[in-house]
Structures are given as C-alpha cells and as structure tokens.
Protein backbone atom coordinates (compact mmCIF):
# COMPACT_ATOMS: atom_id res chain seq x y z
CA MET A 1 89.72 129.55 92.92
CA HIS A 2 89.79 128.37 96.52
CA THR A 3 87.16 125.90 97.59
CA ASN A 4 86.21 124.62 101.03
CA LYS A 5 85.63 121.16 99.64
CA LEU A 6 87.92 118.29 100.57
CA GLN A 7 90.30 117.79 97.63
CA VAL A 8 90.77 114.11 96.77
CA PHE A 9 93.10 112.26 94.39
CA ILE A 10 92.09 108.77 93.29
CA VAL A 11 95.06 106.52 92.47
CA SER A 12 94.58 103.12 90.84
CA ASN A 13 95.84 101.23 87.83
CA GLN A 14 92.26 100.09 87.16
CA PHE A 15 90.36 102.60 85.02
CA LEU A 16 86.90 101.30 85.97
CA PHE A 17 87.83 101.41 89.67
CA ARG A 18 88.94 105.05 89.37
CA GLN A 19 85.82 105.92 87.40
CA GLY A 20 83.51 104.20 89.91
CA ILE A 21 85.06 105.88 92.95
CA GLU A 22 85.01 109.24 91.17
CA HIS A 23 81.34 108.79 90.31
CA GLU A 24 80.41 107.94 93.89
CA LEU A 25 82.42 110.79 95.39
CA SER A 26 80.89 113.27 92.94
CA THR A 27 77.60 112.85 94.82
CA VAL A 28 79.14 114.02 98.10
CA ARG A 29 78.67 117.77 98.52
CA ASP A 30 81.84 118.45 100.53
CA ILE A 31 84.23 116.43 98.35
CA GLU A 32 85.84 117.39 95.06
CA VAL A 33 87.82 114.85 93.05
CA ALA A 34 90.86 116.94 92.12
CA GLY A 35 92.37 114.22 89.94
CA THR A 36 92.46 110.56 89.01
CA PHE A 37 95.75 108.84 88.26
CA LYS A 38 97.39 105.55 87.51
CA ALA A 39 99.77 104.41 90.24
CA ASP A 40 102.85 105.98 88.69
CA ALA A 41 105.07 109.05 88.77
CA GLU A 42 102.33 111.24 87.27
CA VAL A 43 100.53 111.36 90.60
CA LEU A 44 103.73 112.48 92.35
CA SER A 45 104.11 115.34 89.89
CA ALA A 46 100.49 116.35 90.44
CA ILE A 47 101.04 116.32 94.20
CA ASP A 48 104.00 118.65 93.79
CA ASN A 49 101.87 121.05 91.73
CA SER A 50 98.61 120.93 93.66
CA PRO A 51 98.56 118.66 96.72
CA PRO A 52 95.18 117.20 97.68
CA ASP A 53 93.84 116.82 101.20
CA VAL A 54 93.38 113.06 100.71
CA ALA A 55 94.87 110.43 98.41
CA LEU A 56 92.85 107.25 97.91
CA VAL A 57 95.46 104.68 96.87
CA ASP A 58 94.37 101.31 95.47
CA ILE A 59 96.96 98.66 96.32
CA ASP A 60 95.36 95.82 94.35
CA GLY A 61 97.91 94.36 92.03
CA PRO A 62 101.53 94.38 93.16
CA VAL A 63 101.08 95.38 96.82
CA GLU A 64 104.69 96.51 97.11
CA ASN A 65 104.12 99.07 94.36
CA GLY A 66 100.95 100.49 95.93
CA LEU A 67 102.44 100.71 99.39
CA ALA A 68 105.66 102.20 98.05
CA LEU A 69 103.65 104.83 96.20
CA ALA A 70 101.70 105.63 99.38
CA ARG A 71 105.01 106.12 101.19
CA LYS A 72 106.29 108.41 98.43
CA ILE A 73 103.11 110.49 98.63
CA ARG A 74 103.57 110.80 102.39
CA GLN A 75 107.19 111.88 101.88
CA ARG A 76 106.09 114.53 99.39
CA SER A 77 103.65 116.03 101.87
CA SER A 78 102.97 114.82 105.38
CA ASN A 79 99.74 116.87 105.35
CA ILE A 80 98.09 114.54 102.85
CA ALA A 81 95.86 111.91 104.42
CA ILE A 82 96.30 108.56 102.70
CA ILE A 83 93.55 105.98 102.53
CA VAL A 84 94.71 102.60 101.25
CA LEU A 85 92.05 100.65 99.35
CA ALA A 86 92.08 96.97 98.43
CA SER A 87 89.44 94.47 97.38
C-alpha cells in the first residue's frame, strides 16, 4: 500500500531513545515510522528492501560507527535524507 506520508527509519543503539523518538513522531500526521533499528547491518538490509525517505541516525556512542553507518546509508541510496542526532 502506497502512502503519502514521509517514511522514516530511526537508527540508534539505545532502545529508549528509539522508542521515545518513535512515540513523538507517531503524533505527526504526515510522518510514518517505517522501522526502528540498532546501528548495525540490519538497517542496511532494510534499506535495500524498502528505503525510507529519511533516516534519523543517532551517533551517540562511538561517533566513528554512527558516521560510518550514515555514509553507508547514503551510499545505498542517495535519495535518503539523513539526519544525524546526538545529545
């Protein structure tokens, strides 16, 4: 089913962070959280299968890992907007 909502992936190693962002975005009419993922290869596989419009990538923790993952997402699809989040 095709939707006109903005499809968003939330990527963070912190479960409560993912859950909180998902909860807040669920109140926005034009946004649909299409998936939540740890910062690992699972998100890359999901992007290959069903790319979102936006990937929110939490880089708290090892910054190199978060930034490297953001680069890999961009390489998978240059059409995906990436928003890097950090506390």
